């Protein structure tokens, strides 16, 4: 039995770590030569070797060495994502992903960004799938904080068409609406509601109304429609 057949994954990882700094600093031809070497020694497929270098590059120096999938995004990066999510009115991960750089730039401009360069860089490199997964967890955490709800189950959702697929090909004018009740500790009687319209083009329209009835809601929608820039 040869040496290569006895090589453990830990040993292979050490080989990648040995070449990591040189790989990151090298130009295209230098990277090609390094990949040739590590693929020959570890028997990794070329694309798998590239992914391995990328994971090692993104892995924080403070992350503990553990078995299983390495931790790519540390707590600071997750906290930075949550800050952007909250600043963006807690929109879904699909819509949030494309505007993360804009929000980071604006928060930095206003001198409110408190995260380090490494965490910021990882946040900007985060894939849409990862953003969706993390935002999903934020939403679950938020839903555990129970409060008063003015929403009751309705059969209308089976009648009104609701878009549940990707929005990437939808034109401006398609959006989602929601109402929030400002009731204090009681839902008795009429009270102020906020109606929020979020357009696919990331334009947000807001309106206040005295109750949640059909007439009040239609008046709010007409008011928001008149103020849309498209």
C-alpha atoms as a PDB file:
ATOM      1  CA  UNK A   1       0.000   0.000   0.000  1.00  0.00           C
ATOM      2  CA  UNK A   2       1.561   3.306  -1.089  1.00  0.00           C
ATOM      3  CA  UNK A   3       1.903   6.547   0.873  1.00  0.00           C
ATOM      4  CA  UNK A   4      -0.842   8.336  -1.045  1.00  0.00           C
ATOM      5  CA  UNK A   5      -3.459   5.732  -0.181  1.00  0.00           C
ATOM      6  CA  UNK A   6      -2.651   6.274   3.512  1.00  0.00           C
ATOM      7  CA  UNK A   7      -2.842  10.073   3.287  1.00  0.00           C
ATOM      8  CA  UNK A   8      -5.555  11.413   5.594  1.00  0.00           C
ATOM      9  CA  UNK A   9      -7.740  14.454   4.940  1.00  0.00           C
ATOM     10  CA  UNK A  10      -5.876  16.294   7.700  1.00  0.00           C
ATOM     11  CA  UNK A  11      -2.595  15.684   5.879  1.00  0.00           C
ATOM     12  CA  UNK A  12      -4.097  16.895   2.603  1.00  0.00           C
ATOM     13  CA  UNK A  13      -5.381  20.036   4.313  1.00  0.00           C
ATOM     14  CA  UNK A  14      -1.903  20.725   5.666  1.00  0.00           C
ATOM     15  CA  UNK A  15      -0.539  20.508   2.121  1.00  0.00           C
ATOM     16  CA  UNK A  16      -3.095  23.070   0.943  1.00  0.00           C
ATOM     17  CA  UNK A  17      -2.281  25.333   3.900  1.00  0.00           C
ATOM     18  CA  UNK A  18       1.422  25.111   3.031  1.00  0.00           C
ATOM     19  CA  UNK A  19       0.756  26.472  -0.458  1.00  0.00           C
ATOM     20  CA  UNK A  20      -2.102  28.862   0.451  1.00  0.00           C
ATOM     21  CA  UNK A  21      -0.120  32.104   0.851  1.00  0.00           C
ATOM     22  CA  UNK A  22       1.897  31.453  -2.308  1.00  0.00           C
ATOM     23  CA  UNK A  23      -1.289  30.553  -4.202  1.00  0.00           C
ATOM     24  CA  UNK A  24      -3.079  33.759  -3.201  1.00  0.00           C
ATOM     25  CA  UNK A  25      -0.128  35.949  -4.206  1.00  0.00           C
ATOM     26  CA  UNK A  26       0.533  34.221  -7.530  1.00  0.00           C
ATOM     27  CA  UNK A  27      -0.649  35.271 -10.983  1.00  0.00           C
ATOM     28  CA  UNK A  28      -2.550  32.925 -13.289  1.00  0.00           C
ATOM     29  CA  UNK A  29       0.454  30.837 -14.375  1.00  0.00           C
ATOM     30  CA  UNK A  30       1.752  30.558 -10.816  1.00  0.00           C
ATOM     31  CA  UNK A  31      -1.638  29.375  -9.571  1.00  0.00           C
ATOM     32  CA  UNK A  32      -1.728  26.814 -12.391  1.00  0.00           C
ATOM     33  CA  UNK A  33       1.628  25.378 -11.343  1.00  0.00           C
ATOM     34  CA  UNK A  34       0.592  25.161  -7.679  1.00  0.00           C
ATOM     35  CA  UNK A  35      -2.671  23.462  -8.598  1.00  0.00           C
ATOM     36  CA  UNK A  36      -0.751  20.950 -10.707  1.00  0.00           C
ATOM     37  CA  UNK A  37       1.407  20.122  -7.692  1.00  0.00           C
ATOM     38  CA  UNK A  38      -1.309  19.781  -5.038  1.00  0.00           C
ATOM     39  CA  UNK A  39      -3.608  17.848  -7.364  1.00  0.00           C
ATOM     40  CA  UNK A  40      -0.812  15.400  -8.134  1.00  0.00           C
ATOM     41  CA  UNK A  41      -0.015  14.888  -4.443  1.00  0.00           C
ATOM     42  CA  UNK A  42      -3.519  14.867  -2.947  1.00  0.00           C
ATOM     43  CA  UNK A  43      -5.398  13.410  -5.935  1.00  0.00           C
ATOM     44  CA  UNK A  44      -7.932  16.254  -5.709  1.00  0.00           C
ATOM     45  CA  UNK A  45      -9.883  17.181  -8.817  1.00  0.00           C
ATOM     46  CA  UNK A  46      -8.749  20.591 -10.089  1.00  0.00           C
ATOM     47  CA  UNK A  47     -12.061  22.352  -9.341  1.00  0.00           C
ATOM     48  CA  UNK A  48     -12.169  20.749  -5.899  1.00  0.00           C
ATOM     49  CA  UNK A  49      -8.655  22.040  -5.220  1.00  0.00           C
ATOM     50  CA  UNK A  50      -9.688  25.579  -6.200  1.00  0.00           C
ATOM     51  CA  UNK A  51     -12.678  25.371  -3.849  1.00  0.00           C
ATOM     52  CA  UNK A  52     -10.394  24.070  -1.083  1.00  0.00           C
ATOM     53  CA  UNK A  53      -8.066  27.059  -1.437  1.00  0.00           C
ATOM     54  CA  UNK A  54     -11.065  29.398  -1.399  1.00  0.00           C
ATOM     55  CA  UNK A  55     -12.456  27.857   1.805  1.00  0.00           C
ATOM     56  CA  UNK A  56      -9.072  28.126   3.497  1.00  0.00           C
ATOM     57  CA  UNK A  57      -8.796  31.739   2.376  1.00  0.00           C
ATOM     58  CA  UNK A  58     -12.187  32.659   3.882  1.00  0.00           C
ATOM     59  CA  UNK A  59     -11.802  30.651   7.063  1.00  0.00           C
ATOM     60  CA  UNK A  60     -11.076  32.921  10.000  1.00  0.00           C
ATOM     61  CA  UNK A  61      -7.809  32.472  11.857  1.00  0.00           C
ATOM     62  CA  UNK A  62      -9.836  32.386  15.065  1.00  0.00           C
ATOM     63  CA  UNK A  63     -11.981  29.454  13.938  1.00  0.00           C
ATOM     64  CA  UNK A  64     -11.162  26.270  15.779  1.00  0.00           C
ATOM     65  CA  UNK A  65      -9.931  23.312  13.777  1.00  0.00           C
ATOM     66  CA  UNK A  66     -12.799  20.822  13.879  1.00  0.00           C
ATOM     67  CA  UNK A  67     -14.074  17.881  11.906  1.00  0.00           C
ATOM     68  CA  UNK A  68     -16.803  18.372   9.362  1.00  0.00           C
ATOM     69  CA  UNK A  69     -17.558  21.411   7.245  1.00  0.00           C
ATOM     70  CA  UNK A  70     -15.391  24.425   8.189  1.00  0.00           C
ATOM     71  CA  UNK A  71     -17.052  27.555   9.551  1.00  0.00           C
ATOM     72  CA  UNK A  72     -16.789  30.198   6.836  1.00  0.00           C
ATOM     73  CA  UNK A  73     -18.708  33.101   8.362  1.00  0.00           C
ATOM     74  CA  UNK A  74     -17.949  34.114  11.932  1.00  0.00           C
ATOM     75  CA  UNK A  75     -20.227  35.843  14.421  1.00  0.00           C
ATOM     76  CA  UNK A  76     -19.080  39.314  13.372  1.00  0.00           C
ATOM     77  CA  UNK A  77     -20.025  38.669   9.740  1.00  0.00           C
ATOM     78  CA  UNK A  78     -23.448  37.341  10.761  1.00  0.00           C
ATOM     79  CA  UNK A  79     -23.978  40.385  12.996  1.00  0.00           C
ATOM     80  CA  UNK A  80     -23.045  42.659  10.085  1.00  0.00           C
ATOM     81  CA  UNK A  81     -25.581  40.907   7.846  1.00  0.00           C
ATOM     82  CA  UNK A  82     -28.271  41.326  10.497  1.00  0.00           C
ATOM     83  CA  UNK A  83     -27.495  45.043  10.743  1.00  0.00           C
ATOM     84  CA  UNK A  84     -27.968  45.426   6.987  1.00  0.00           C
ATOM     85  CA  UNK A  85     -31.150  43.306   7.088  1.00  0.00           C
ATOM     86  CA  UNK A  86     -32.675  45.489   9.795  1.00  0.00           C
ATOM     87  CA  UNK A  87     -31.653  48.681   7.985  1.00  0.00           C
ATOM     88  CA  UNK A  88     -33.381  47.327   4.854  1.00  0.00           C
ATOM     89  CA  UNK A  89     -36.679  46.913   6.734  1.00  0.00           C
ATOM     90  CA  UNK A  90     -36.101  43.164   7.162  1.00  0.00           C
ATOM     91  CA  UNK A  91     -36.781  42.264   3.525  1.00  0.00           C
ATOM     92  CA  UNK A  92     -36.356  38.682   2.280  1.00  0.00           C
ATOM     93  CA  UNK A  93     -32.950  37.226   1.463  1.00  0.00           C
ATOM     94  CA  UNK A  94     -33.515  37.267  -2.327  1.00  0.00           C
ATOM     95  CA  UNK A  95     -34.118  41.020  -2.348  1.00  0.00           C
ATOM     96  CA  UNK A  96     -31.493  41.767   0.295  1.00  0.00           C
ATOM     97  CA  UNK A  97     -28.553  40.079  -1.441  1.00  0.00           C
ATOM     98  CA  UNK A  98     -28.263  42.516  -4.343  1.00  0.00           C
ATOM     99  CA  UNK A  99     -28.429  45.652  -2.166  1.00  0.00           C
ATOM    100  CA  UNK A 100     -25.969  44.653   0.577  1.00  0.00           C
ATOM    101  CA  UNK A 101     -23.098  46.713  -0.968  1.00  0.00           C
ATOM    102  CA  UNK A 102     -25.357  49.786  -1.158  1.00  0.00           C
ATOM    103  CA  UNK A 103     -26.393  49.543   2.478  1.00  0.00           C
ATOM    104  CA  UNK A 104     -22.820  48.935   3.654  1.00  0.00           C
ATOM    105  CA  UNK A 105     -21.687  52.015   1.703  1.00  0.00           C
ATOM    106  CA  UNK A 106     -24.458  54.193   3.144  1.00  0.00           C
ATOM    107  CA  UNK A 107     -23.950  53.027   6.735  1.00  0.00           C
ATOM    108  CA  UNK A 108     -20.202  53.613   6.362  1.00  0.00           C
ATOM    109  CA  UNK A 109     -20.885  57.081   4.958  1.00  0.00           C
ATOM    110  CA  UNK A 110     -22.947  57.890   8.032  1.00  0.00           C
ATOM    111  CA  UNK A 111     -20.125  56.572  10.257  1.00  0.00           C
ATOM    112  CA  UNK A 112     -22.402  53.908  11.791  1.00  0.00           C
ATOM    113  CA  UNK A 113     -20.521  50.843  10.509  1.00  0.00           C
ATOM    114  CA  UNK A 114     -18.754  49.136  13.421  1.00  0.00           C
ATOM    115  CA  UNK A 115     -17.465  45.957  11.764  1.00  0.00           C
ATOM    116  CA  UNK A 116     -13.904  45.119  10.765  1.00  0.00           C
ATOM    117  CA  UNK A 117     -12.529  44.876   7.239  1.00  0.00           C
ATOM    118  CA  UNK A 118     -12.412  41.060   7.269  1.00  0.00           C
ATOM    119  CA  UNK A 119     -16.044  40.689   8.356  1.00  0.00           C
ATOM    120  CA  UNK A 120     -17.116  43.318   5.826  1.00  0.00           C
ATOM    121  CA  UNK A 121     -15.241  41.579   3.020  1.00  0.00           C
ATOM    122  CA  UNK A 122     -16.864  38.244   3.860  1.00  0.00           C
ATOM    123  CA  UNK A 123     -20.288  39.872   3.956  1.00  0.00           C
ATOM    124  CA  UNK A 124     -19.810  41.350   0.494  1.00  0.00           C
ATOM    125  CA  UNK A 125     -18.694  37.931  -0.824  1.00  0.00           C
ATOM    126  CA  UNK A 126     -21.692  36.092   0.661  1.00  0.00           C
ATOM    127  CA  UNK A 127     -23.744  34.167  -1.906  1.00  0.00           C
ATOM    128  CA  UNK A 128     -27.473  34.652  -2.375  1.00  0.00           C
ATOM    129  CA  UNK A 129     -28.163  31.163  -1.029  1.00  0.00           C
ATOM    130  CA  UNK A 130     -26.258  31.881   2.185  1.00  0.00           C
ATOM    131  CA  UNK A 131     -28.004  35.243   2.628  1.00  0.00           C
ATOM    132  CA  UNK A 132     -31.397  33.538   2.229  1.00  0.00           C
ATOM    133  CA  UNK A 133     -30.459  30.900   4.816  1.00  0.00           C
ATOM    134  CA  UNK A 134     -29.191  33.432   7.354  1.00  0.00           C
ATOM    135  CA  UNK A 135     -32.162  35.777   6.873  1.00  0.00           C
ATOM    136  CA  UNK A 136     -34.464  32.781   7.335  1.00  0.00           C
ATOM    137  CA  UNK A 137     -32.892  32.202  10.746  1.00  0.00           C
ATOM    138  CA  UNK A 138     -33.263  35.888  11.646  1.00  0.00           C
ATOM    139  CA  UNK A 139     -36.961  35.656  10.810  1.00  0.00           C
ATOM    140  CA  UNK A 140     -37.401  32.521  12.930  1.00  0.00           C
ATOM    141  CA  UNK A 141     -35.724  34.240  15.863  1.00  0.00           C
ATOM    142  CA  UNK A 142     -37.978  37.263  15.419  1.00  0.00           C
ATOM    143  CA  UNK A 143     -41.115  35.107  15.242  1.00  0.00           C
ATOM    144  CA  UNK A 144     -40.305  33.575  18.632  1.00  0.00           C
ATOM    145  CA  UNK A 145     -40.826  36.970  20.247  1.00  0.00           C
ATOM    146  CA  UNK A 146     -44.566  36.736  20.731  1.00  0.00           C
ATOM    147  CA  UNK A 147     -46.679  39.883  20.605  1.00  0.00           C
ATOM    148  CA  UNK A 148     -50.207  40.951  19.791  1.00  0.00           C
ATOM    149  CA  UNK A 149     -51.269  40.079  16.240  1.00  0.00           C
ATOM    150  CA  UNK A 150     -54.195  41.552  14.338  1.00  0.00           C
ATOM    151  CA  UNK A 151     -53.938  38.922  11.590  1.00  0.00           C
ATOM    152  CA  UNK A 152     -56.297  35.958  11.551  1.00  0.00           C
ATOM    153  CA  UNK A 153     -56.366  32.932   9.208  1.00  0.00           C
ATOM    154  CA  UNK A 154     -58.245  33.644   6.001  1.00  0.00           C
ATOM    155  CA  UNK A 155     -59.428  31.733   2.938  1.00  0.00           C
ATOM    156  CA  UNK A 156     -58.520  34.766   0.785  1.00  0.00           C
ATOM    157  CA  UNK A 157     -55.005  33.429   0.245  1.00  0.00           C
ATOM    158  CA  UNK A 158     -56.558  30.658  -1.855  1.00  0.00           C
ATOM    159  CA  UNK A 159     -58.310  33.224  -4.075  1.00  0.00           C
ATOM    160  CA  UNK A 160     -55.811  36.070  -4.431  1.00  0.00           C
ATOM    161  CA  UNK A 161     -52.760  35.227  -6.603  1.00  0.00           C
ATOM    162  CA  UNK A 162     -49.586  35.482  -4.535  1.00  0.00           C
ATOM    163  CA  UNK A 163     -46.124  35.352  -6.105  1.00  0.00           C
ATOM    164  CA  UNK A 164     -43.994  32.733  -4.376  1.00  0.00           C
ATOM    165  CA  UNK A 165     -41.294  32.260  -7.017  1.00  0.00           C
ATOM    166  CA  UNK A 166     -38.248  34.384  -7.871  1.00  0.00           C
ATOM    167  CA  UNK A 167     -38.955  38.067  -8.534  1.00  0.00           C
ATOM    168  CA  UNK A 168     -35.891  38.735 -10.670  1.00  0.00           C
ATOM    169  CA  UNK A 169     -37.853  39.048 -13.933  1.00  0.00           C
ATOM    170  CA  UNK A 170     -40.764  41.084 -12.594  1.00  0.00           C
ATOM    171  CA  UNK A 171     -41.110  44.770 -13.658  1.00  0.00           C
ATOM    172  CA  UNK A 172     -41.650  47.710 -11.261  1.00  0.00           C
ATOM    173  CA  UNK A 173     -45.241  47.860 -10.069  1.00  0.00           C
ATOM    174  CA  UNK A 174     -45.256  44.392  -8.512  1.00  0.00           C
ATOM    175  CA  UNK A 175     -44.964  44.382  -4.760  1.00  0.00           C
ATOM    176  CA  UNK A 176     -46.093  43.118  -1.390  1.00  0.00           C
ATOM    177  CA  UNK A 177     -48.202  44.879   1.233  1.00  0.00           C
ATOM    178  CA  UNK A 178     -48.532  44.384   4.935  1.00  0.00           C
ATOM    179  CA  UNK A 179     -50.220  46.156   7.825  1.00  0.00           C
ATOM    180  CA  UNK A 180     -48.898  46.757  11.329  1.00  0.00           C
ATOM    181  CA  UNK A 181     -51.224  47.641  14.178  1.00  0.00           C
ATOM    182  CA  UNK A 182     -50.293  50.300  16.744  1.00  0.00           C
ATOM    183  CA  UNK A 183     -52.519  49.141  19.577  1.00  0.00           C
ATOM    184  CA  UNK A 184     -50.514  49.128  22.763  1.00  0.00           C
ATOM    185  CA  UNK A 185     -51.792  46.253  24.893  1.00  0.00           C
ATOM    186  CA  UNK A 186     -55.345  45.978  23.521  1.00  0.00           C
ATOM    187  CA  UNK A 187     -57.028  45.289  20.176  1.00  0.00           C
ATOM    188  CA  UNK A 188     -60.404  46.672  21.268  1.00  0.00           C
ATOM    189  CA  UNK A 189     -61.945  49.379  19.015  1.00  0.00           C
ATOM    190  CA  UNK A 190     -60.405  51.304  16.128  1.00  0.00           C
ATOM    191  CA  UNK A 191     -56.733  52.241  16.196  1.00  0.00           C
ATOM    192  CA  UNK A 192     -53.944  53.366  13.921  1.00  0.00           C
ATOM    193  CA  UNK A 193     -52.478  50.961  11.375  1.00  0.00           C
ATOM    194  CA  UNK A 194     -49.415  51.378   9.164  1.00  0.00           C
ATOM    195  CA  UNK A 195     -49.720  50.006   5.639  1.00  0.00           C
ATOM    196  CA  UNK A 196     -46.371  49.183   4.053  1.00  0.00           C
ATOM    197  CA  UNK A 197     -45.934  48.546   0.319  1.00  0.00           C
ATOM    198  CA  UNK A 198     -42.575  47.150  -0.854  1.00  0.00           C
ATOM    199  CA  UNK A 199     -42.074  47.178  -4.622  1.00  0.00           C
ATOM    200  CA  UNK A 200     -39.892  44.760  -6.587  1.00  0.00           C
ATOM    201  CA  UNK A 201     -37.833  47.829  -7.509  1.00  0.00           C
ATOM    202  CA  UNK A 202     -37.135  48.235  -3.760  1.00  0.00           C
ATOM    203  CA  UNK A 203     -39.280  51.349  -3.500  1.00  0.00           C
ATOM    204  CA  UNK A 204     -41.174  51.479  -0.207  1.00  0.00           C
ATOM    205  CA  UNK A 205     -44.518  53.253   0.189  1.00  0.00           C
ATOM    206  CA  UNK A 206     -46.003  53.984   3.604  1.00  0.00           C
ATOM    207  CA  UNK A 207     -49.447  55.122   4.691  1.00  0.00           C
ATOM    208  CA  UNK A 208     -51.336  55.468   7.966  1.00  0.00           C
ATOM    209  CA  UNK A 209     -54.998  54.509   8.390  1.00  0.00           C
ATOM    210  CA  UNK A 210     -57.449  54.407  11.279  1.00  0.00           C
ATOM    211  CA  UNK A 211     -58.506  50.772  10.942  1.00  0.00           C
ATOM    212  CA  UNK A 212     -57.886  47.663   8.830  1.00  0.00           C
ATOM    213  CA  UNK A 213     -61.090  47.797   6.817  1.00  0.00           C
ATOM    214  CA  UNK A 214     -61.380  47.532   3.043  1.00  0.00           C
ATOM    215  CA  UNK A 215     -62.152  51.226   2.431  1.00  0.00           C
ATOM    216  CA  UNK A 216     -59.265  52.463   4.596  1.00  0.00           C
ATOM    217  CA  UNK A 217     -56.835  50.019   2.977  1.00  0.00           C
ATOM    218  CA  UNK A 218     -57.911  50.916  -0.581  1.00  0.00           C
ATOM    219  CA  UNK A 219     -57.518  54.623   0.218  1.00  0.00           C
ATOM    220  CA  UNK A 220     -54.001  53.951   1.527  1.00  0.00           C
ATOM    221  CA  UNK A 221     -53.092  51.981  -1.612  1.00  0.00           C
ATOM    222  CA  UNK A 222     -54.371  54.805  -3.850  1.00  0.00           C
ATOM    223  CA  UNK A 223     -52.308  57.294  -1.841  1.00  0.00           C
ATOM    224  CA  UNK A 224     -49.174  55.177  -2.199  1.00  0.00           C
ATOM    225  CA  UNK A 225     -49.820  54.649  -5.927  1.00  0.00           C
ATOM    226  CA  UNK A 226     -49.979  58.418  -6.517  1.00  0.00           C
ATOM    227  CA  UNK A 227     -46.572  58.829  -4.854  1.00  0.00           C
ATOM    228  CA  UNK A 228     -44.768  56.049  -6.744  1.00  0.00           C
ATOM    229  CA  UNK A 229     -42.037  57.400  -9.087  1.00  0.00           C
ATOM    230  CA  UNK A 230     -43.021  54.957 -11.861  1.00  0.00           C
END
